[in-house]
Every structure is written in C-alpha cells, then in structure tokens.
Amino acid sequence: MSPATEQSLAEVATFLRDLGRALHVSGAPAHDLERSLTDAGARLGVTVEGFAVLTFLALTVSDGVQSRRVELLRLPAYDFNMARLIELQALCREINAAAEIAGYRQRLAAIMAQPTPWSGAAFAAMGFLLSAAVALLLRGGWVEMLCGGLIGMLFVAAALGFARVPRLAPAAPVILCALAAMLAHVLALALPQQLPFISAVAGIVFLLPGFMLTVAMSELATQNYLAGTGRLTGAFVLLFLMGAGLAIGSQAAQAWLPAVTPGASLPVAPWVIWLAIAALGVSLLAVLQAPWRTVHVSVGACLMAWAVFSVLDDRVGNVVAAFIAALSVASAGQIYQQLSRQPAALVQIPGLITLVPGSMGFRGIHALMQQDNVAGIQLMTEMLLTGAVLAVGLLLADNIWPLLFSRRTDATVSERNT
C-alpha cells in the first residue's frame, strides 16, 4: 500500500473514532452507534468493525485488502443532547466520499462546539414544569404540584452547579436527594395538605434513570450485552444512591424538624392530567437538550403515549398497555423520520419517557429501605417487566418499519424502470 493510501486510511479511522465519541456523548445507544459507524465507513470505502460500551470504544478499520487500523478510545460520561444528535445523524447520512473527509471533520468540530440549547435559568424553570407534571402523574394534587415543582426547580439548579465540579459527581445524587427530602418536609410544615413523599419524588425526577433502563433493555435485546449490562447496573446504582439520599434526608428532617402529619391531597379535575402530559412534553425539551422548534413533536409524542396507555390499561392490563403504547410511539417515530427526514428519536424518546418506570423503581428501592420487602420486590419486578416490554416495542418498530419502507422504495423503483 502506498503512503498516501495509508495516510488516507488513518484519516478515515481518526474521523470515525471522533464521530463515535460524539455520538456517544450525545446519547446514542451502543447498537445505534455501531450501526452508524459501520454505514458511514461503507460509504467512505472502508470496512468497520465497532465495539462500544459505556466507557470504551474499539474500532477496526480496514481497506478490504491488506491494511487496517485499530482505534481504542476511553469514552467520557454521556448525556442526552438531541440538538447535537440531530446534526450528527444528518452528517452521517450525508457522508459519501473519503475525498471529502476534511470537510466532514470541520463540520463535526462545529457541531460539537455548539452551545447547549438549554442552560441556566431557563433550564431550572423547565425543572419546575417537569416536576409539577410528574407530581400529578404520581396522583398528587395541586399542593404537591406546587411543592414538587419548587423542589424540582431548585434540584435542577443545584444539579447544574454540581456538574461544574466533576469530582463531586458520584456524591451528587445522595446530597441532592437528601436536601430535596428535607425541603419537602419543610414545605409540608407550611402547606400541610399534601403527601411529602410525592413532592420529594416529583422534585428529584430529573435524575431518575427510567429511560436509561429502557435503553439498557434494548441493548440487551440487540445482544450488546456489555453495554446493556453496564447501563443497567448504572441505573440500579443511581436508584440506590438516590434512595439512600432520600432516606437520609427524611430521617434527618424527622429528627431535627417538627413532626409532620401527612394531609389529604386536594384533588384535581381529570382533564388536568392532559395539561400535565403536555407540560411534560414541553419540559422534556430541556431534559433532552432538544431545540424549541421540536416542541410540537415532543408534546404530541407524550400525549399519544398517554392516550394509548390510558385507553388500554383497564382493558388489557398495564404491561400489555405499555407494550402497545411503546410500539405505537416507536412506529410513529419511524413514520415521522420517513416523512420529515428528522430522527425518529424526536418522537420516540419523549413518548417512552412518559411510560418509563423510573419512579416505580425508586419507590421500590425506598420500600426496601423501609424494610417493606414484599412491596419493594413487587415494585422492582414490575419496573423491570415494564422496561422490558417498552424495549421490545421499540425494537419491533425500529426493525419492521425500515424493512417495509425499503421494500416500498424498491417496488417504486422497479415500477419506474418498467
């Protein structure tokens, strides 16, 4: 192989490595990341074998003749950034020639240099909306919505502050959840007509790893066992840390502050829950760092998921209802992608988050810590089962619809040729 060709292979391998890192830190699951790199490599004229887990990426890039390069990279922590992921997926679709690799590298660098759409006070305000909506979904009332929203706003602001000190990251869930539990106790003294536990759980929902659990299940289902196991372990560890923080804060509040007698929640009209679901869709823009122009997609996905689940829950049970709702939302995402050329995740992620069982698992952890083993095990089992059926619905839609679209495209091309 000539030096020029070897240099070209090195440039392609380096670009694919950087592209894989960018997809990872933006929230792409392992199986999507590996597929994107394989497809991009094929269009660049190389064969790519990728292996991605939460903290490691290995790429073997070969020209199909005699030369190959191996790229090994330790991956940093990831977070969802839908605005960046949209641009990265558009870049992946437009890659078509190794001769343009310099332009692709510049575009990748520009994408990664873009500021996040949501930060500071706007992000914290979305935390209020998120927690207030979740408080109602947890069957709270107006007071829980107010207190949960206030806790959520302060919780998100504090989480953003902790993010600036990486060494405190492992302790942040414990500290923040302990402070949230104490604040819920204080608010219950001022507004006794509430259940402090609902306010506390709604306030800390920003960190609950419900969607992480669903992604882990989908990775396991696609035989990405190391990535799925690592993500699943991370979800459980985070749940235990948050549960420990809540227990510490609750017991400290009970020891240092006056006793609180839980009151009865003030009921809300049934139609209010639909407003809460719409508000959840709006707030998820900040959680997922999605652009404001996609607000109608996020709200519509949340409303669709909740509507399907609500209609079927009493008829077929919550597990089957969750599966059909997940399949519906995931299918809607694939159709949206086909029609708009925007990522299906814009529909799928908000819809699935509406259904994910993160709070269920957290309540299970809390029950176990309170030595209510029967309730704790039941809630944890139901969380895993619900997460599994959501992942199955997502996988079915993501595999069936692209096949149908490709066959339709092939049939259209055949008709034109004849």
Protein backbone atom coordinates (compact mmCIF):
# COMPACT_ATOMS: atom_id res chain seq x y z
CA MET A 1 0.00 0.00 0.00
CA SER A 2 1.32 3.45 -0.87
CA PRO A 3 1.99 6.01 1.89
CA ALA A 4 -0.77 8.22 0.51
CA THR A 5 -3.28 5.39 0.83
CA GLU A 6 -2.06 4.57 4.33
CA GLN A 7 -2.45 8.23 5.29
CA SER A 8 -5.97 8.27 3.85
CA LEU A 9 -6.93 5.19 5.87
CA ALA A 10 -5.53 6.82 9.01
CA GLU A 11 -7.58 9.98 8.40
CA VAL A 12 -10.77 7.99 7.87
CA ALA A 13 -10.16 5.91 11.01
CA THR A 14 -9.49 9.01 13.10
CA PHE A 15 -12.63 10.69 11.80
CA LEU A 16 -14.76 7.63 12.55
CA ARG A 17 -13.29 7.44 16.05
CA ASP A 18 -14.16 11.09 16.72
CA LEU A 19 -17.62 10.58 15.21
CA GLY A 20 -18.21 7.60 17.52
CA ARG A 21 -17.16 9.64 20.54
CA ALA A 22 -19.51 12.46 19.51
CA LEU A 23 -22.44 10.10 19.08
CA HIS A 24 -21.75 8.53 22.47
CA VAL A 25 -21.58 11.76 24.47
CA SER A 26 -24.76 12.93 22.75
CA GLY A 27 -26.71 9.89 23.99
CA ALA A 28 -26.71 7.38 21.12
CA PRO A 29 -27.24 3.76 22.32
CA ALA A 30 -24.47 1.26 21.60
CA HIS A 31 -26.28 -0.55 18.79
CA ASP A 32 -27.17 2.72 17.01
CA LEU A 33 -23.62 3.98 17.41
CA GLU A 34 -22.09 0.83 15.95
CA ARG A 35 -24.56 0.77 13.04
CA SER A 36 -23.92 4.44 12.23
CA LEU A 37 -20.15 3.92 12.15
CA THR A 38 -20.49 0.79 10.00
CA ASP A 39 -22.73 2.57 7.48
CA ALA A 40 -20.51 5.66 7.39
CA GLY A 41 -17.44 3.51 6.89
CA ALA A 42 -19.04 1.67 3.98
CA ARG A 43 -19.75 4.97 2.22
CA LEU A 44 -16.16 6.03 2.84
CA GLY A 45 -14.90 2.85 1.21
CA VAL A 46 -13.68 1.01 4.31
CA THR A 47 -14.90 -1.88 6.44
CA VAL A 48 -15.61 -1.01 10.05
CA GLU A 49 -15.97 -3.40 12.96
CA GLY A 50 -17.05 -1.48 16.03
CA PHE A 51 -17.47 -2.42 19.66
CA ALA A 52 -18.97 0.16 22.02
CA VAL A 53 -19.73 0.04 25.73
CA LEU A 54 -20.41 2.86 28.17
CA THR A 55 -16.75 3.69 28.77
CA PHE A 56 -14.90 2.16 25.81
CA LEU A 57 -14.94 2.25 22.02
CA ALA A 58 -12.89 -0.06 19.80
CA LEU A 59 -12.83 0.33 16.02
CA THR A 60 -11.12 -1.82 13.43
CA VAL A 61 -10.98 -0.03 10.08
CA SER A 62 -9.67 -1.89 7.03
CA ASP A 63 -9.48 -1.21 3.31
CA GLY A 64 -10.52 -4.76 2.46
CA VAL A 65 -7.10 -5.63 1.00
CA GLN A 66 -4.18 -5.70 3.42
CA SER A 67 -4.14 -2.61 5.65
CA ARG A 68 -6.08 -1.98 8.78
CA ARG A 69 -6.07 0.39 11.73
CA VAL A 70 -7.31 -0.16 15.25
CA GLU A 71 -8.63 2.78 17.26
CA LEU A 72 -9.11 2.39 21.02
CA LEU A 73 -10.78 5.16 22.98
CA ARG A 74 -11.94 5.59 26.56
CA LEU A 75 -15.32 7.26 26.43
CA PRO A 76 -16.39 10.01 28.84
CA ALA A 77 -19.74 10.19 30.59
CA TYR A 78 -22.67 10.77 28.26
CA ASP A 79 -25.77 12.90 28.39
CA PHE A 80 -28.67 13.37 26.01
CA ASN A 81 -28.28 16.28 23.62
CA MET A 82 -30.92 15.90 20.95
CA ALA A 83 -29.97 19.11 19.14
CA ARG A 84 -26.45 17.79 18.66
CA LEU A 85 -27.68 14.27 17.86
CA ILE A 86 -29.91 15.64 15.09
CA GLU A 87 -26.92 17.34 13.47
CA LEU A 88 -24.72 14.26 13.90
CA GLN A 89 -27.26 11.96 12.30
CA ALA A 90 -27.65 14.40 9.41
CA LEU A 91 -23.86 14.34 8.99
CA CYS A 92 -23.88 10.52 9.00
CA ARG A 93 -26.50 10.46 6.23
CA GLU A 94 -24.55 12.90 4.06
CA ILE A 95 -21.18 11.12 4.23
CA ASN A 96 -20.44 9.68 0.80
CA ALA A 97 -16.76 10.01 -0.19
CA ALA A 98 -13.37 9.73 1.50
CA ALA A 99 -12.15 12.66 -0.57
CA GLU A 100 -14.39 14.97 1.48
CA ILE A 101 -13.03 13.81 4.85
CA ALA A 102 -11.55 17.23 5.70
CA GLY A 103 -14.94 18.88 5.29
CA TYR A 104 -16.60 16.22 7.41
CA ARG A 105 -14.06 16.78 10.19
CA GLN A 106 -14.69 20.53 10.15
CA ARG A 107 -18.42 20.02 10.29
CA LEU A 108 -18.08 17.54 13.18
CA ALA A 109 -15.94 20.01 15.11
CA ALA A 110 -18.51 22.76 14.51
CA ILE A 111 -21.35 20.54 15.74
CA MET A 112 -19.50 19.65 18.95
CA ALA A 113 -18.64 23.31 19.57
CA GLN A 114 -22.28 24.43 19.54
CA PRO A 115 -23.63 25.61 22.91
CA THR A 116 -26.40 23.59 24.55
CA PRO A 117 -29.93 24.87 23.79
CA TRP A 118 -30.93 24.89 27.47
CA SER A 119 -28.92 26.14 30.42
CA GLY A 120 -29.09 28.41 33.42
CA ALA A 121 -32.39 29.94 34.50
CA ALA A 122 -34.33 28.59 31.51
CA PHE A 123 -33.27 25.05 32.36
CA ALA A 124 -34.21 25.50 36.02
CA ALA A 125 -37.63 26.87 35.03
CA MET A 126 -38.19 23.75 32.94
CA GLY A 127 -37.35 21.77 36.08
CA PHE A 128 -40.37 23.34 37.77
CA LEU A 129 -42.60 22.33 34.86
CA LEU A 130 -41.20 18.79 34.77
CA SER A 131 -41.62 18.10 38.49
CA ALA A 132 -45.05 19.71 38.69
CA ALA A 133 -46.28 17.48 35.86
CA VAL A 134 -44.78 14.35 37.42
CA ALA A 135 -46.36 15.18 40.79
CA LEU A 136 -49.76 14.96 39.15
CA LEU A 137 -48.87 11.70 37.40
CA LEU A 138 -47.93 10.31 40.82
CA ARG A 139 -51.53 11.04 41.84
CA GLY A 140 -50.74 14.16 43.78
CA GLY A 141 -52.88 17.25 43.96
CA TRP A 142 -52.43 20.97 43.50
CA VAL A 143 -50.25 21.38 46.58
CA GLU A 144 -47.95 18.53 45.55
CA MET A 145 -47.67 20.10 42.10
CA LEU A 146 -46.61 23.42 43.62
CA CYS A 147 -44.18 21.94 46.15
CA GLY A 148 -42.82 19.34 43.76
CA GLY A 149 -42.29 21.99 41.11
CA LEU A 150 -40.44 24.26 43.51
CA ILE A 151 -38.23 21.39 44.68
CA GLY A 152 -37.62 20.35 41.09
CA MET A 153 -36.56 23.85 40.06
CA LEU A 154 -34.05 24.09 42.90
CA PHE A 155 -32.94 20.49 42.32
CA VAL A 156 -32.13 21.14 38.64
CA ALA A 157 -30.31 24.37 39.51
CA ALA A 158 -28.24 22.54 42.13
CA ALA A 159 -27.54 19.66 39.74
CA LEU A 160 -26.22 22.13 37.16
CA GLY A 161 -23.99 23.59 39.85
CA PHE A 162 -22.65 20.17 40.85
CA ALA A 163 -21.92 19.41 37.19
CA ARG A 164 -19.23 22.10 37.27
CA VAL A 165 -17.32 20.09 39.91
CA PRO A 166 -16.68 16.66 38.34
CA ARG A 167 -15.11 15.20 41.49
CA LEU A 168 -18.43 15.60 43.32
CA ALA A 169 -20.41 13.74 40.64
CA PRO A 170 -20.54 10.37 42.50
CA ALA A 171 -21.87 12.03 45.65
CA ALA A 172 -24.25 14.45 43.93
CA PRO A 173 -27.33 12.12 43.84
CA VAL A 174 -27.07 11.41 47.58
CA ILE A 175 -26.56 15.05 48.57
CA LEU A 176 -29.23 16.45 46.27
CA CYS A 177 -31.87 13.86 47.20
CA ALA A 178 -31.19 14.35 50.92
CA LEU A 179 -31.66 18.10 50.55
CA ALA A 180 -34.82 17.56 48.46
CA ALA A 181 -36.32 15.32 51.16
CA MET A 182 -35.58 17.90 53.84
CA LEU A 183 -37.09 20.68 51.73
CA ALA A 184 -40.22 18.58 51.16
CA HIS A 185 -40.54 18.22 54.95
CA VAL A 186 -40.17 21.98 55.42
CA LEU A 187 -42.79 22.69 52.76
CA ALA A 188 -45.12 20.19 54.40
CA LEU A 189 -44.93 22.27 57.59
CA ALA A 190 -46.02 25.36 55.67
CA LEU A 191 -48.55 23.57 53.43
CA PRO A 192 -49.82 20.54 55.36
CA GLN A 193 -52.43 19.48 52.79
CA GLN A 194 -50.03 17.23 50.90
CA LEU A 195 -48.07 13.97 50.91
CA PRO A 196 -44.40 14.98 51.32
CA PHE A 197 -43.15 11.76 49.69
CA ILE A 198 -44.90 12.63 46.40
CA SER A 199 -43.45 16.15 46.46
CA ALA A 200 -39.97 14.76 47.12
CA VAL A 201 -40.09 12.09 44.39
CA ALA A 202 -41.50 14.57 41.87
CA GLY A 203 -38.78 17.04 42.80
CA ILE A 204 -35.93 14.62 42.08
CA VAL A 205 -37.39 13.11 38.89
CA PHE A 206 -34.76 14.91 36.81
CA LEU A 207 -32.18 12.31 37.87
CA LEU A 208 -34.38 9.20 37.85
CA PRO A 209 -32.91 6.71 35.32
CA GLY A 210 -36.16 5.40 33.85
CA PHE A 211 -35.22 5.94 30.22
CA MET A 212 -31.71 4.64 30.93
CA LEU A 213 -33.36 1.38 32.00
CA THR A 214 -35.31 1.14 28.73
CA VAL A 215 -32.19 1.81 26.65
CA ALA A 216 -30.31 -0.85 28.64
CA MET A 217 -33.05 -3.37 27.91
CA SER A 218 -32.95 -2.55 24.19
CA GLU A 219 -29.16 -3.00 24.15
CA LEU A 220 -29.50 -6.37 25.84
CA ALA A 221 -32.19 -7.37 23.35
CA THR A 222 -29.85 -6.49 20.45
CA GLN A 223 -27.12 -8.66 22.03
CA ASN A 224 -25.00 -5.70 23.12
CA TYR A 225 -24.57 -7.45 26.45
CA LEU A 226 -21.68 -5.47 27.90
CA ALA A 227 -23.20 -2.10 27.03
CA GLY A 228 -26.66 -3.16 28.24
CA THR A 229 -25.34 -4.70 31.45
CA GLY A 230 -23.23 -1.65 32.20
CA ARG A 231 -26.11 0.73 31.61
CA LEU A 232 -28.50 -1.43 33.65
CA THR A 233 -26.01 -1.59 36.51
CA GLY A 234 -25.60 2.17 36.35
CA ALA A 235 -29.37 2.63 36.55
CA PHE A 236 -29.64 0.45 39.65
CA VAL A 237 -26.67 2.11 41.34
CA LEU A 238 -28.17 5.53 40.69
CA LEU A 239 -31.52 4.37 42.10
CA PHE A 240 -29.83 3.11 45.26
CA LEU A 241 -27.84 6.33 45.68
CA MET A 242 -30.97 8.42 45.27
CA GLY A 243 -32.91 6.16 47.63
CA ALA A 244 -30.15 6.46 50.22
CA GLY A 245 -30.17 10.24 49.89
CA LEU A 246 -33.94 10.38 50.31
CA ALA A 247 -33.78 8.14 53.39
CA ILE A 248 -31.01 10.24 54.94
CA GLY A 249 -32.86 13.47 54.29
CA SER A 250 -36.19 12.14 55.56
CA GLN A 251 -34.73 10.81 58.80
CA ALA A 252 -32.70 13.97 59.37
CA ALA A 253 -35.81 16.10 58.87
CA GLN A 254 -37.79 13.93 61.29
CA ALA A 255 -35.04 14.27 63.91
CA TRP A 256 -34.34 17.99 63.56
CA LEU A 257 -37.68 19.47 62.49
CA PRO A 258 -41.19 19.35 63.97
CA ALA A 259 -43.23 16.29 63.11
CA VAL A 260 -45.41 16.47 60.02
CA THR A 261 -48.81 14.84 59.84
CA PRO A 262 -49.46 13.88 56.20
CA GLY A 263 -52.59 15.53 54.90
CA ALA A 264 -55.05 14.64 52.19
CA SER A 265 -54.21 15.78 48.67
CA LEU A 266 -56.53 18.32 47.12
CA PRO A 267 -57.98 16.50 44.08
CA VAL A 268 -57.70 17.86 40.57
CA ALA A 269 -60.14 17.53 37.68
CA PRO A 270 -59.46 14.56 35.34
CA TRP A 271 -58.83 16.84 32.36
CA VAL A 272 -55.92 18.50 34.17
CA ILE A 273 -53.79 15.39 33.66
CA TRP A 274 -53.78 16.05 29.92
CA LEU A 275 -52.38 19.52 30.55
CA ALA A 276 -49.76 17.89 32.77
CA ILE A 277 -48.79 15.50 29.97
CA ALA A 278 -48.48 18.41 27.55
CA ALA A 279 -46.37 20.28 30.12
CA LEU A 280 -44.21 17.19 30.47
CA GLY A 281 -43.60 17.23 26.72
CA VAL A 282 -42.51 20.86 26.89
CA SER A 283 -40.20 20.28 29.87
CA LEU A 284 -38.53 17.32 28.18
CA LEU A 285 -37.05 19.71 25.63
CA ALA A 286 -34.67 20.90 28.35
CA VAL A 287 -34.02 17.43 29.77
CA LEU A 288 -33.09 16.13 26.31
CA GLN A 289 -31.47 19.40 25.14
CA ALA A 290 -33.79 19.44 22.12
CA PRO A 291 -34.39 22.60 20.04
CA TRP A 292 -37.54 24.63 20.69
CA ARG A 293 -38.73 24.11 17.13
CA THR A 294 -39.48 20.47 18.00
CA VAL A 295 -41.86 21.31 20.87
CA HIS A 296 -44.94 20.19 18.93
CA VAL A 297 -43.30 16.82 18.24
CA SER A 298 -42.39 16.28 21.89
CA VAL A 299 -45.83 17.28 23.18
CA GLY A 300 -47.61 15.18 20.56
CA ALA A 301 -45.49 12.12 21.38
CA CYS A 302 -46.23 12.41 25.10
CA LEU A 303 -49.97 12.86 24.52
CA MET A 304 -50.06 9.92 22.11
CA ALA A 305 -48.23 7.61 24.53
CA TRP A 306 -50.50 8.55 27.41
CA ALA A 307 -53.68 8.29 25.32
CA VAL A 308 -52.87 4.75 24.12
CA PHE A 309 -51.84 3.63 27.59
CA SER A 310 -54.92 5.17 29.27
CA VAL A 311 -57.36 3.58 26.81
CA LEU A 312 -55.85 0.09 27.11
CA ASP A 313 -54.79 0.00 30.76
CA ASP A 314 -58.18 -1.06 32.17
CA ARG A 315 -58.84 -3.47 29.30
CA VAL A 316 -55.62 -5.46 28.93
CA GLY A 317 -53.51 -4.55 31.98
CA ASN A 318 -50.66 -2.13 32.40
CA VAL A 319 -47.93 -4.37 30.94
CA VAL A 320 -49.71 -5.02 27.62
CA ALA A 321 -50.89 -1.41 27.52
CA ALA A 322 -47.29 -0.21 27.99
CA PHE A 323 -46.11 -2.52 25.19
CA ILE A 324 -48.76 -1.33 22.72
CA ALA A 325 -48.15 2.31 23.66
CA ALA A 326 -44.39 1.87 23.17
CA LEU A 327 -44.94 0.13 19.82
CA SER A 328 -47.29 2.93 18.74
CA VAL A 329 -44.90 5.71 19.70
CA ALA A 330 -41.89 3.96 18.17
CA SER A 331 -43.84 3.35 14.95
CA ALA A 332 -44.92 6.99 14.87
CA GLY A 333 -41.25 7.93 15.22
CA GLN A 334 -40.27 5.81 12.22
CA ILE A 335 -43.08 7.31 10.11
CA TYR A 336 -42.09 10.81 11.22
CA GLN A 337 -38.49 10.10 10.20
CA GLN A 338 -39.58 8.81 6.80
CA LEU A 339 -41.73 11.87 6.11
CA SER A 340 -39.57 14.63 7.59
CA ARG A 341 -36.02 13.19 7.40
CA GLN A 342 -35.64 14.09 11.07
CA PRO A 343 -34.52 11.49 13.65
CA ALA A 344 -37.19 9.11 14.94
CA ALA A 345 -35.83 9.73 18.43
CA LEU A 346 -37.56 13.13 18.48
CA VAL A 347 -40.84 11.22 18.80
CA GLN A 348 -39.67 8.04 20.47
CA ILE A 349 -37.74 9.39 23.43
CA PRO A 350 -40.39 11.81 24.82
CA GLY A 351 -43.11 9.20 24.30
CA LEU A 352 -41.17 6.45 26.03
CA ILE A 353 -40.17 8.73 28.90
CA THR A 354 -43.88 9.25 29.54
CA LEU A 355 -44.16 5.49 30.01
CA VAL A 356 -40.84 4.58 31.65
CA PRO A 357 -40.97 3.09 35.15
CA GLY A 358 -38.25 5.14 36.85
CA SER A 359 -40.42 6.38 39.72
CA MET A 360 -41.73 2.84 40.16
CA GLY A 361 -38.21 1.54 40.71
CA PHE A 362 -37.40 4.40 43.06
CA ARG A 363 -40.46 3.64 45.16
CA GLY A 364 -39.34 0.01 45.21
CA ILE A 365 -35.89 0.98 46.50
CA HIS A 366 -37.49 3.20 49.14
CA ALA A 367 -39.80 0.38 50.23
CA LEU A 368 -36.85 -1.98 50.61
CA MET A 369 -35.02 0.58 52.72
CA GLN A 370 -38.12 0.88 54.88
CA GLN A 371 -37.99 -2.94 55.28
CA ASP A 372 -41.21 -3.40 53.34
CA ASN A 373 -39.69 -6.24 51.36
CA VAL A 374 -42.86 -7.51 49.71
CA ALA A 375 -43.85 -4.14 48.26
CA GLY A 376 -40.24 -3.35 47.33
CA ILE A 377 -39.68 -6.57 45.40
CA GLN A 378 -43.04 -6.25 43.69
CA LEU A 379 -42.31 -2.71 42.53
CA MET A 380 -38.81 -3.60 41.33
CA THR A 381 -40.11 -6.62 39.43
CA GLU A 382 -42.83 -4.55 37.81
CA MET A 383 -40.25 -1.91 36.87
CA LEU A 384 -38.06 -4.48 35.10
CA LEU A 385 -41.04 -6.05 33.34
CA THR A 386 -42.35 -2.70 32.15
CA GLY A 387 -38.90 -1.65 30.99
CA ALA A 388 -38.56 -4.91 29.06
CA VAL A 389 -41.87 -4.55 27.20
CA LEU A 390 -41.06 -0.93 26.33
CA ALA A 391 -37.75 -2.05 24.86
CA VAL A 392 -39.47 -4.82 22.89
CA GLY A 393 -41.99 -2.37 21.43
CA LEU A 394 -39.16 -0.03 20.44
CA LEU A 395 -37.12 -2.81 18.84
CA LEU A 396 -40.04 -4.18 16.84
CA ALA A 397 -40.85 -0.79 15.37
CA ASP A 398 -37.21 0.06 14.65
CA ASN A 399 -36.71 -3.20 12.75
CA ILE A 400 -40.05 -3.71 10.99
CA TRP A 401 -40.77 -0.23 9.66
CA PRO A 402 -37.40 0.36 7.94
CA LEU A 403 -37.84 -3.01 6.20
CA LEU A 404 -41.30 -2.02 4.99
CA PHE A 405 -40.06 1.37 3.79
CA SER A 406 -37.13 -0.19 1.92
CA ARG A 407 -39.42 -2.68 0.17
CA ARG A 408 -41.78 0.10 -0.81
CA THR A 409 -38.87 2.10 -2.20
CA ASP A 410 -37.60 -0.91 -4.16
CA ALA A 411 -41.09 -1.54 -5.56
CA THR A 412 -41.39 2.10 -6.64
CA VAL A 413 -38.00 1.99 -8.36
CA SER A 414 -38.97 -1.25 -10.16
CA GLU A 415 -42.21 0.31 -11.43
CA ARG A 416 -40.34 3.32 -12.77
CA ASN A 417 -37.80 1.13 -14.56
CA THR A 418 -40.53 -0.91 -16.23
